[in-house]
Amino acid sequence: VRNLSRRGPPIPDDGLSVTITANGVTLRPVDDLPLI
């Protein structure tokens, strides 16, 4: 649990796994540039 804090130690590489799949996405990678 202590690793989950912003001020805590880094989470081990195998301590977290998030997978996202999405379609029809609109995003702005950098401010002041056109949307993707």
PDB file of all heavy atoms in Angstrom:
ATOM      1  N   VAL A   1       0.827  -1.205   0.000  1.00  0.00           N
ATOM      2  CA  VAL A   1       0.000   0.000   0.000  1.00  0.00           C
ATOM      3  C   VAL A   1       0.870   1.267   0.000  1.00  0.00           C
ATOM      4  O   VAL A   1       0.548   2.257  -0.637  1.00  0.00           O
ATOM      5  CB  VAL A   1      -0.956  -0.012   1.215  1.00  0.00           C
ATOM      6  CG1 VAL A   1      -1.718   1.321   1.315  1.00  0.00           C
ATOM      7  CG2 VAL A   1      -1.917  -1.164   1.111  1.00  0.00           C
ATOM      8  N   ARG A   2       2.011   1.220   0.712  1.00  0.00           N
ATOM      9  CA  ARG A   2       2.843   2.429   0.782  1.00  0.00           C
ATOM     10  C   ARG A   2       3.363   2.846  -0.594  1.00  0.00           C
ATOM     11  O   ARG A   2       3.664   4.005  -0.840  1.00  0.00           O
ATOM     12  CB  ARG A   2       4.008   2.210   1.745  1.00  0.00           C
ATOM     13  CG  ARG A   2       5.039   1.200   1.282  1.00  0.00           C
ATOM     14  CD  ARG A   2       6.184   1.098   2.288  1.00  0.00           C
ATOM     15  NE  ARG A   2       7.232   0.186   1.842  1.00  0.00           N
ATOM     16  CZ  ARG A   2       7.198  -1.133   1.994  1.00  0.00           C
ATOM     17  NH1 ARG A   2       6.141  -1.704   2.603  1.00  0.00           N
ATOM     18  NH2 ARG A   2       8.201  -1.887   1.576  1.00  0.00           N
ATOM     19  N   ASN A   3       3.474   1.881  -1.520  1.00  0.00           N
ATOM     20  CA  ASN A   3       3.964   2.216  -2.852  1.00  0.00           C
ATOM     21  C   ASN A   3       2.939   2.979  -3.695  1.00  0.00           C
ATOM     22  O   ASN A   3       3.273   3.567  -4.721  1.00  0.00           O
ATOM     23  CB  ASN A   3       4.373   0.958  -3.612  1.00  0.00           C
ATOM     24  CG  ASN A   3       5.633   0.317  -3.043  1.00  0.00           C
ATOM     25  OD1 ASN A   3       5.846   0.372  -1.828  1.00  0.00           O
ATOM     26  ND2 ASN A   3       6.448  -0.273  -3.906  1.00  0.00           N
ATOM     27  N   LEU A   4       1.666   2.954  -3.244  1.00  0.00           N
ATOM     28  CA  LEU A   4       0.613   3.610  -4.027  1.00  0.00           C
ATOM     29  C   LEU A   4       0.571   5.112  -3.785  1.00  0.00           C
ATOM     30  O   LEU A   4      -0.059   5.854  -4.526  1.00  0.00           O
ATOM     31  CB  LEU A   4      -0.744   2.996  -3.701  1.00  0.00           C
ATOM     32  CG  LEU A   4      -0.867   1.478  -3.970  1.00  0.00           C
ATOM     33  CD1 LEU A   4      -2.270   0.992  -3.618  1.00  0.00           C
ATOM     34  CD2 LEU A   4      -0.548   1.169  -5.417  1.00  0.00           C
ATOM     35  N   SER A   5       1.215   5.590  -2.780  1.00  0.00           N
ATOM     36  CA  SER A   5       1.249   7.023  -2.502  1.00  0.00           C
ATOM     37  C   SER A   5       2.193   7.704  -3.486  1.00  0.00           C
ATOM     38  O   SER A   5       3.215   7.151  -3.892  1.00  0.00           O
ATOM     39  CB  SER A   5       1.729   7.266  -1.065  1.00  0.00           C
ATOM     40  OG  SER A   5       2.008   8.631  -0.879  1.00  0.00           O
ATOM     41  N   ARG A   6       1.852   8.991  -3.847  1.00  0.00           N
ATOM     42  CA  ARG A   6       2.725   9.744  -4.747  1.00  0.00           C
ATOM     43  C   ARG A   6       4.114   9.923  -4.151  1.00  0.00           C
ATOM     44  O   ARG A   6       5.095  10.040  -4.872  1.00  0.00           O
ATOM     45  CB  ARG A   6       2.116  11.113  -5.056  1.00  0.00           C
ATOM     46  CG  ARG A   6       0.930  11.069  -6.013  1.00  0.00           C
ATOM     47  CD  ARG A   6       0.419  12.474  -6.283  1.00  0.00           C
ATOM     48  NE  ARG A   6      -0.674  12.472  -7.238  1.00  0.00           N
ATOM     49  CZ  ARG A   6      -0.538  12.503  -8.546  1.00  0.00           C
ATOM     50  NH1 ARG A   6       0.683  12.537  -9.050  1.00  0.00           N
ATOM     51  NH2 ARG A   6      -1.582  12.497  -9.336  1.00  0.00           N
ATOM     52  N   ARG A   7       4.164   9.997  -2.830  1.00  0.00           N
ATOM     53  CA  ARG A   7       5.435  10.229  -2.167  1.00  0.00           C
ATOM     54  C   ARG A   7       6.137   8.925  -1.799  1.00  0.00           C
ATOM     55  O   ARG A   7       7.244   8.934  -1.275  1.00  0.00           O
ATOM     56  CB  ARG A   7       5.225  11.061  -0.907  1.00  0.00           C
ATOM     57  CG  ARG A   7       4.629  12.440  -1.205  1.00  0.00           C
ATOM     58  CD  ARG A   7       4.413  13.222   0.097  1.00  0.00           C
ATOM     59  NE  ARG A   7       3.825  14.527  -0.155  1.00  0.00           N
ATOM     60  CZ  ARG A   7       4.514  15.606  -0.480  1.00  0.00           C
ATOM     61  NH1 ARG A   7       5.822  15.540  -0.588  1.00  0.00           N
ATOM     62  NH2 ARG A   7       3.905  16.756  -0.692  1.00  0.00           N
ATOM     63  N   GLY A   8       5.481   7.823  -2.084  1.00  0.00           N
ATOM     64  CA  GLY A   8       6.037   6.546  -1.678  1.00  0.00           C
ATOM     65  C   GLY A   8       7.031   6.003  -2.679  1.00  0.00           C
ATOM     66  O   GLY A   8       7.309   6.614  -3.718  1.00  0.00           O
ATOM     67  N   PRO A   9       7.569   4.838  -2.405  1.00  0.00           N
ATOM     68  CA  PRO A   9       8.506   4.197  -3.330  1.00  0.00           C
ATOM     69  C   PRO A   9       7.797   3.835  -4.632  1.00  0.00           C
ATOM     70  O   PRO A   9       6.567   3.721  -4.679  1.00  0.00           O
ATOM     71  CB  PRO A   9       8.964   2.950  -2.579  1.00  0.00           C
ATOM     72  CG  PRO A   9       8.597   3.202  -1.150  1.00  0.00           C
ATOM     73  CD  PRO A   9       7.392   4.062  -1.164  1.00  0.00           C
ATOM     74  N   PRO A  10       8.551   3.642  -5.695  1.00  0.00           N
ATOM     75  CA  PRO A  10       7.925   3.261  -6.965  1.00  0.00           C
ATOM     76  C   PRO A  10       7.222   1.914  -6.871  1.00  0.00           C
ATOM     77  O   PRO A  10       7.655   1.024  -6.124  1.00  0.00           O
ATOM     78  CB  PRO A  10       9.116   3.183  -7.927  1.00  0.00           C
ATOM     79  CG  PRO A  10      10.197   3.977  -7.291  1.00  0.00           C
ATOM     80  CD  PRO A  10      10.008   3.844  -5.816  1.00  0.00           C
ATOM     81  N   ILE A  11       6.171   1.793  -7.637  1.00  0.00           N
ATOM     82  CA  ILE A  11       5.468   0.510  -7.720  1.00  0.00           C
ATOM     83  C   ILE A  11       6.351  -0.461  -8.502  1.00  0.00           C
ATOM     84  O   ILE A  11       6.916  -0.086  -9.540  1.00  0.00           O
ATOM     85  CB  ILE A  11       4.113   0.680  -8.422  1.00  0.00           C
ATOM     86  CG1 ILE A  11       3.229   1.661  -7.634  1.00  0.00           C
ATOM     87  CG2 ILE A  11       3.414  -0.665  -8.603  1.00  0.00           C
ATOM     88  CD1 ILE A  11       1.922   1.978  -8.328  1.00  0.00           C
ATOM     89  N   PRO A  12       6.499  -1.682  -8.059  1.00  0.00           N
ATOM     90  CA  PRO A  12       7.264  -2.652  -8.850  1.00  0.00           C
ATOM     91  C   PRO A  12       6.640  -2.813 -10.229  1.00  0.00           C
ATOM     92  O   PRO A  12       5.430  -2.656 -10.405  1.00  0.00           O
ATOM     93  CB  PRO A  12       7.178  -3.941  -8.027  1.00  0.00           C
ATOM     94  CG  PRO A  12       6.851  -3.486  -6.646  1.00  0.00           C
ATOM     95  CD  PRO A  12       6.035  -2.244  -6.783  1.00  0.00           C
ATOM     96  N   ASP A  13       7.496  -3.085 -11.225  1.00  0.00           N
ATOM     97  CA  ASP A  13       6.995  -3.175 -12.589  1.00  0.00           C
ATOM     98  C   ASP A  13       5.883  -4.196 -12.709  1.00  0.00           C
ATOM     99  O   ASP A  13       4.900  -3.980 -13.415  1.00  0.00           O
ATOM    100  CB  ASP A  13       8.146  -3.527 -13.537  1.00  0.00           C
ATOM    101  CG  ASP A  13       7.724  -3.417 -15.002  1.00  0.00           C
ATOM    102  OD1 ASP A  13       7.180  -2.353 -15.386  1.00  0.00           O
ATOM    103  OD2 ASP A  13       7.935  -4.367 -15.768  1.00  0.00           O
ATOM    104  N   ASP A  14       5.992  -5.311 -11.991  1.00  0.00           N
ATOM    105  CA  ASP A  14       4.946  -6.332 -12.086  1.00  0.00           C
ATOM    106  C   ASP A  14       3.856  -6.136 -11.053  1.00  0.00           C
ATOM    107  O   ASP A  14       2.991  -6.987 -10.871  1.00  0.00           O
ATOM    108  CB  ASP A  14       5.559  -7.725 -11.945  1.00  0.00           C
ATOM    109  CG  ASP A  14       6.301  -7.900 -10.621  1.00  0.00           C
ATOM    110  OD1 ASP A  14       6.405  -6.889  -9.874  1.00  0.00           O
ATOM    111  OD2 ASP A  14       6.785  -9.007 -10.345  1.00  0.00           O
ATOM    112  N   GLY A  15       3.908  -4.992 -10.346  1.00  0.00           N
ATOM    113  CA  GLY A  15       2.894  -4.723  -9.332  1.00  0.00           C
ATOM    114  C   GLY A  15       1.653  -4.060  -9.900  1.00  0.00           C
ATOM    115  O   GLY A  15       0.677  -3.844  -9.176  1.00  0.00           O
ATOM    116  N   LEU A  16       1.655  -3.689 -11.179  1.00  0.00           N
ATOM    117  CA  LEU A  16       0.497  -3.026 -11.765  1.00  0.00           C
ATOM    118  C   LEU A  16       0.402  -3.412 -13.232  1.00  0.00           C
ATOM    119  O   LEU A  16       1.410  -3.471 -13.931  1.00  0.00           O
ATOM    120  CB  LEU A  16       0.630  -1.503 -11.644  1.00  0.00           C
ATOM    121  CG  LEU A  16      -0.503  -0.661 -12.251  1.00  0.00           C
ATOM    122  CD1 LEU A  16      -1.811  -0.894 -11.495  1.00  0.00           C
ATOM    123  CD2 LEU A  16      -0.127   0.819 -12.259  1.00  0.00           C
ATOM    124  N   SER A  17      -0.800  -3.684 -13.694  1.00  0.00           N
ATOM    125  CA  SER A  17      -1.033  -3.962 -15.107  1.00  0.00           C
ATOM    126  C   SER A  17      -2.384  -3.379 -15.493  1.00  0.00           C
ATOM    127  O   SER A  17      -3.417  -3.767 -14.935  1.00  0.00           O
ATOM    128  CB  SER A  17      -1.006  -5.480 -15.363  1.00  0.00           C
ATOM    129  OG  SER A  17      -1.302  -5.736 -16.721  1.00  0.00           O
ATOM    130  N   VAL A  18      -2.340  -2.380 -16.432  1.00  0.00           N
ATOM    131  CA  VAL A  18      -3.574  -1.759 -16.924  1.00  0.00           C
ATOM    132  C   VAL A  18      -3.580  -1.897 -18.449  1.00  0.00           C
ATOM    133  O   VAL A  18      -2.609  -1.537 -19.116  1.00  0.00           O
ATOM    134  CB  VAL A  18      -3.658  -0.271 -16.540  1.00  0.00           C
ATOM    135  CG1 VAL A  18      -4.936   0.354 -17.097  1.00  0.00           C
ATOM    136  CG2 VAL A  18      -3.581  -0.094 -15.036  1.00  0.00           C
ATOM    137  N   THR A  19      -4.654  -2.421 -19.010  1.00  0.00           N
ATOM    138  CA  THR A  19      -4.810  -2.538 -20.456  1.00  0.00           C
ATOM    139  C   THR A  19      -6.087  -1.831 -20.871  1.00  0.00           C
ATOM    140  O   THR A  19      -7.145  -2.079 -20.280  1.00  0.00           O
ATOM    141  CB  THR A  19      -4.861  -4.007 -20.887  1.00  0.00           C
ATOM    142  OG1 THR A  19      -3.655  -4.652 -20.462  1.00  0.00           O
ATOM    143  CG2 THR A  19      -4.988  -4.120 -22.393  1.00  0.00           C
ATOM    144  N   ILE A  20      -5.963  -0.934 -21.863  1.00  0.00           N
ATOM    145  CA  ILE A  20      -7.123  -0.175 -22.346  1.00  0.00           C
ATOM    146  C   ILE A  20      -7.243  -0.395 -23.848  1.00  0.00           C
ATOM    147  O   ILE A  20      -6.262  -0.282 -24.583  1.00  0.00           O
ATOM    148  CB  ILE A  20      -6.971   1.332 -22.052  1.00  0.00           C
ATOM    149  CG1 ILE A  20      -6.810   1.578 -20.541  1.00  0.00           C
ATOM    150  CG2 ILE A  20      -8.154   2.119 -22.609  1.00  0.00           C
ATOM    151  CD1 ILE A  20      -6.467   3.019 -20.215  1.00  0.00           C
ATOM    152  N   THR A  21      -8.425  -0.694 -24.306  1.00  0.00           N
ATOM    153  CA  THR A  21      -8.730  -0.789 -25.730  1.00  0.00           C
ATOM    154  C   THR A  21      -9.883   0.164 -26.023  1.00  0.00           C
ATOM    155  O   THR A  21     -10.914   0.090 -25.354  1.00  0.00           O
ATOM    156  CB  THR A  21      -9.115  -2.216 -26.132  1.00  0.00           C
ATOM    157  OG1 THR A  21      -8.031  -3.097 -25.809  1.00  0.00           O
ATOM    158  CG2 THR A  21      -9.411  -2.300 -27.622  1.00  0.00           C
ATOM    159  N   ALA A  22      -9.691   1.053 -27.016  1.00  0.00           N
ATOM    160  CA  ALA A  22     -10.734   2.047 -27.290  1.00  0.00           C
ATOM    161  C   ALA A  22     -10.775   2.337 -28.784  1.00  0.00           C
ATOM    162  O   ALA A  22      -9.771   2.248 -29.484  1.00  0.00           O
ATOM    163  CB  ALA A  22     -10.463   3.339 -26.516  1.00  0.00           C
ATOM    164  N   ASN A  23     -11.950   2.705 -29.294  1.00  0.00           N
ATOM    165  CA  ASN A  23     -12.146   3.066 -30.699  1.00  0.00           C
ATOM    166  C   ASN A  23     -12.849   4.418 -30.779  1.00  0.00           C
ATOM    167  O   ASN A  23     -13.573   4.813 -29.858  1.00  0.00           O
ATOM    168  CB  ASN A  23     -12.974   2.008 -31.426  1.00  0.00           C
ATOM    169  CG  ASN A  23     -12.260   0.680 -31.482  1.00  0.00           C
ATOM    170  OD1 ASN A  23     -11.154   0.585 -31.980  1.00  0.00           O
ATOM    171  ND2 ASN A  23     -12.884  -0.361 -30.924  1.00  0.00           N
ATOM    172  N   GLY A  24     -12.655   5.127 -31.925  1.00  0.00           N
ATOM    173  CA  GLY A  24     -13.300   6.428 -32.118  1.00  0.00           C
ATOM    174  C   GLY A  24     -12.839   7.466 -31.127  1.00  0.00           C
ATOM    175  O   GLY A  24     -13.612   8.343 -30.725  1.00  0.00           O
ATOM    176  N   VAL A  25     -11.573   7.397 -30.724  1.00  0.00           N
ATOM    177  CA  VAL A  25     -11.053   8.262 -29.671  1.00  0.00           C
ATOM    178  C   VAL A  25     -10.656   9.623 -30.251  1.00  0.00           C
ATOM    179  O   VAL A  25     -10.120   9.714 -31.351  1.00  0.00           O
ATOM    180  CB  VAL A  25      -9.828   7.609 -28.999  1.00  0.00           C
ATOM    181  CG1 VAL A  25      -9.198   8.552 -27.981  1.00  0.00           C
ATOM    182  CG2 VAL A  25     -10.237   6.300 -28.352  1.00  0.00           C
ATOM    183  N   THR A  26     -10.934  10.683 -29.515  1.00  0.00           N
ATOM    184  CA  THR A  26     -10.438  12.023 -29.807  1.00  0.00           C
ATOM    185  C   THR A  26      -9.549  12.452 -28.659  1.00  0.00           C
ATOM    186  O   THR A  26      -9.955  12.370 -27.496  1.00  0.00           O
ATOM    187  CB  THR A  26     -11.590  13.022 -29.963  1.00  0.00           C
ATOM    188  OG1 THR A  26     -12.402  12.633 -31.067  1.00  0.00           O
ATOM    189  CG2 THR A  26     -11.059  14.427 -30.202  1.00  0.00           C
ATOM    190  N   LEU A  27      -8.341  12.886 -28.971  1.00  0.00           N
ATOM    191  CA  LEU A  27      -7.419  13.293 -27.906  1.00  0.00           C
ATOM    192  C   LEU A  27      -6.556  14.449 -28.377  1.00  0.00           C
ATOM    193  O   LEU A  27      -6.365  14.662 -29.567  1.00  0.00           O
ATOM    194  CB  LEU A  27      -6.561  12.107 -27.463  1.00  0.00           C
ATOM    195  CG  LEU A  27      -5.681  11.422 -28.514  1.00  0.00           C
ATOM    196  CD1 LEU A  27      -4.290  12.019 -28.495  1.00  0.00           C
ATOM    197  CD2 LEU A  27      -5.620   9.924 -28.281  1.00  0.00           C
ATOM    198  N   ARG A  28      -6.043  15.187 -27.417  1.00  0.00           N
ATOM    199  CA  ARG A  28      -5.137  16.304 -27.701  1.00  0.00           C
ATOM    200  C   ARG A  28      -3.801  15.977 -27.043  1.00  0.00           C
ATOM    201  O   ARG A  28      -3.652  16.103 -25.838  1.00  0.00           O
ATOM    202  CB  ARG A  28      -5.700  17.611 -27.156  1.00  0.00           C
ATOM    203  CG  ARG A  28      -4.867  18.844 -27.587  1.00  0.00           C
ATOM    204  CD  ARG A  28      -5.346  20.127 -26.901  1.00  0.00           C
ATOM    205  NE  ARG A  28      -6.718  20.444 -27.190  1.00  0.00           N
ATOM    206  CZ  ARG A  28      -7.147  21.102 -28.274  1.00  0.00           C
ATOM    207  NH1 ARG A  28      -6.273  21.468 -29.184  1.00  0.00           N
ATOM    208  NH2 ARG A  28      -8.419  21.354 -28.441  1.00  0.00           N
ATOM    209  N   PRO A  29      -2.808  15.530 -27.843  1.00  0.00           N
ATOM    210  CA  PRO A  29      -1.546  15.100 -27.246  1.00  0.00           C
ATOM    211  C   PRO A  29      -0.757  16.241 -26.615  1.00  0.00           C
ATOM    212  O   PRO A  29      -0.061  16.051 -25.633  1.00  0.00           O
ATOM    213  CB  PRO A  29      -0.795  14.495 -28.435  1.00  0.00           C
ATOM    214  CG  PRO A  29      -1.384  15.156 -29.632  1.00  0.00           C
ATOM    215  CD  PRO A  29      -2.808  15.402 -29.304  1.00  0.00           C
ATOM    216  N   VAL A  30      -0.840  17.450 -27.226  1.00  0.00           N
ATOM    217  CA  VAL A  30      -0.103  18.614 -26.726  1.00  0.00           C
ATOM    218  C   VAL A  30      -1.030  19.815 -26.796  1.00  0.00           C
ATOM    219  O   VAL A  30      -1.779  19.985 -27.766  1.00  0.00           O
ATOM    220  CB  VAL A  30       1.168  18.877 -27.565  1.00  0.00           C
ATOM    221  CG1 VAL A  30       1.931  20.080 -27.028  1.00  0.00           C
ATOM    222  CG2 VAL A  30       2.081  17.654 -27.569  1.00  0.00           C
ATOM    223  N   ASP A  31      -0.975  20.642 -25.760  1.00  0.00           N
ATOM    224  CA  ASP A  31      -1.805  21.845 -25.768  1.00  0.00           C
ATOM    225  C   ASP A  31      -1.517  22.692 -26.997  1.00  0.00           C
ATOM    226  O   ASP A  31      -0.391  22.755 -27.495  1.00  0.00           O
ATOM    227  CB  ASP A  31      -1.527  22.678 -24.508  1.00  0.00           C
ATOM    228  CG  ASP A  31      -2.039  21.994 -23.251  1.00  0.00           C
ATOM    229  OD1 ASP A  31      -2.862  21.070 -23.395  1.00  0.00           O
ATOM    230  OD2 ASP A  31      -1.593  22.357 -22.150  1.00  0.00           O
ATOM    231  N   ASP A  32      -2.552  23.369 -27.508  1.00  0.00           N
ATOM    232  CA  ASP A  32      -2.450  24.319 -28.617  1.00  0.00           C
ATOM    233  C   ASP A  32      -2.143  23.664 -29.958  1.00  0.00           C
ATOM    234  O   ASP A  32      -1.800  24.348 -30.920  1.00  0.00           O
ATOM    235  CB  ASP A  32      -1.393  25.395 -28.340  1.00  0.00           C
ATOM    236  CG  ASP A  32      -1.672  26.162 -27.060  1.00  0.00           C
ATOM    237  OD1 ASP A  32      -2.868  26.387 -26.773  1.00  0.00           O
ATOM    238  OD2 ASP A  32      -0.706  26.519 -26.364  1.00  0.00           O
ATOM    239  N   LEU A  33      -2.269  22.339 -30.047  1.00  0.00           N
ATOM    240  CA  LEU A  33      -2.142  21.650 -31.323  1.00  0.00           C
ATOM    241  C   LEU A  33      -3.478  21.013 -31.673  1.00  0.00           C
ATOM    242  O   LEU A  33      -4.310  20.747 -30.794  1.00  0.00           O
ATOM    243  CB  LEU A  33      -1.045  20.594 -31.272  1.00  0.00           C
ATOM    244  CG  LEU A  33       0.392  21.110 -31.283  1.00  0.00           C
ATOM    245  CD1 LEU A  33       1.371  19.946 -31.257  1.00  0.00           C
ATOM    246  CD2 LEU A  33       0.671  21.986 -32.497  1.00  0.00           C
ATOM    247  N   PRO A  34      -3.724  20.747 -32.963  1.00  0.00           N
ATOM    248  CA  PRO A  34      -5.028  20.181 -33.350  1.00  0.00           C
ATOM    249  C   PRO A  34      -5.294  18.826 -32.695  1.00  0.00           C
ATOM    250  O   PRO A  34      -4.378  18.083 -32.331  1.00  0.00           O
ATOM    251  CB  PRO A  34      -4.891  20.036 -34.879  1.00  0.00           C
ATOM    252  CG  PRO A  34      -3.815  20.984 -35.272  1.00  0.00           C
ATOM    253  CD  PRO A  34      -2.874  21.030 -34.130  1.00  0.00           C
ATOM    254  N   LEU A  35      -6.591  18.514 -32.549  1.00  0.00           N
ATOM    255  CA  LEU A  35      -7.020  17.239 -31.982  1.00  0.00           C
ATOM    256  C   LEU A  35      -6.733  16.094 -32.945  1.00  0.00           C
ATOM    257  O   LEU A  35      -6.806  16.248 -34.162  1.00  0.00           O
ATOM    258  CB  LEU A  35      -8.519  17.277 -31.696  1.00  0.00           C
ATOM    259  CG  LEU A  35      -8.988  18.270 -30.618  1.00  0.00           C
ATOM    260  CD1 LEU A  35     -10.501  18.347 -30.618  1.00  0.00           C
ATOM    261  CD2 LEU A  35      -8.465  17.852 -29.259  1.00  0.00           C
ATOM    262  N   ILE A  36      -6.419  14.917 -32.359  1.00  0.00           N
ATOM    263  CA  ILE A  36      -6.339  13.682 -33.126  1.00  0.00           C
ATOM    264  C   ILE A  36      -7.697  12.998 -33.017  1.00  0.00           C
ATOM    265  O   ILE A  36      -8.201  12.771 -31.916  1.00  0.00           O
ATOM    266  CB  ILE A  36      -5.223  12.770 -32.592  1.00  0.00           C
ATOM    267  CG1 ILE A  36      -3.860  13.451 -32.771  1.00  0.00           C
ATOM    268  CG2 ILE A  36      -5.231  11.419 -33.298  1.00  0.00           C
ATOM    269  CD1 ILE A  36      -2.700  12.649 -32.205  1.00  0.00           C
TER     270      ILE A  36
END
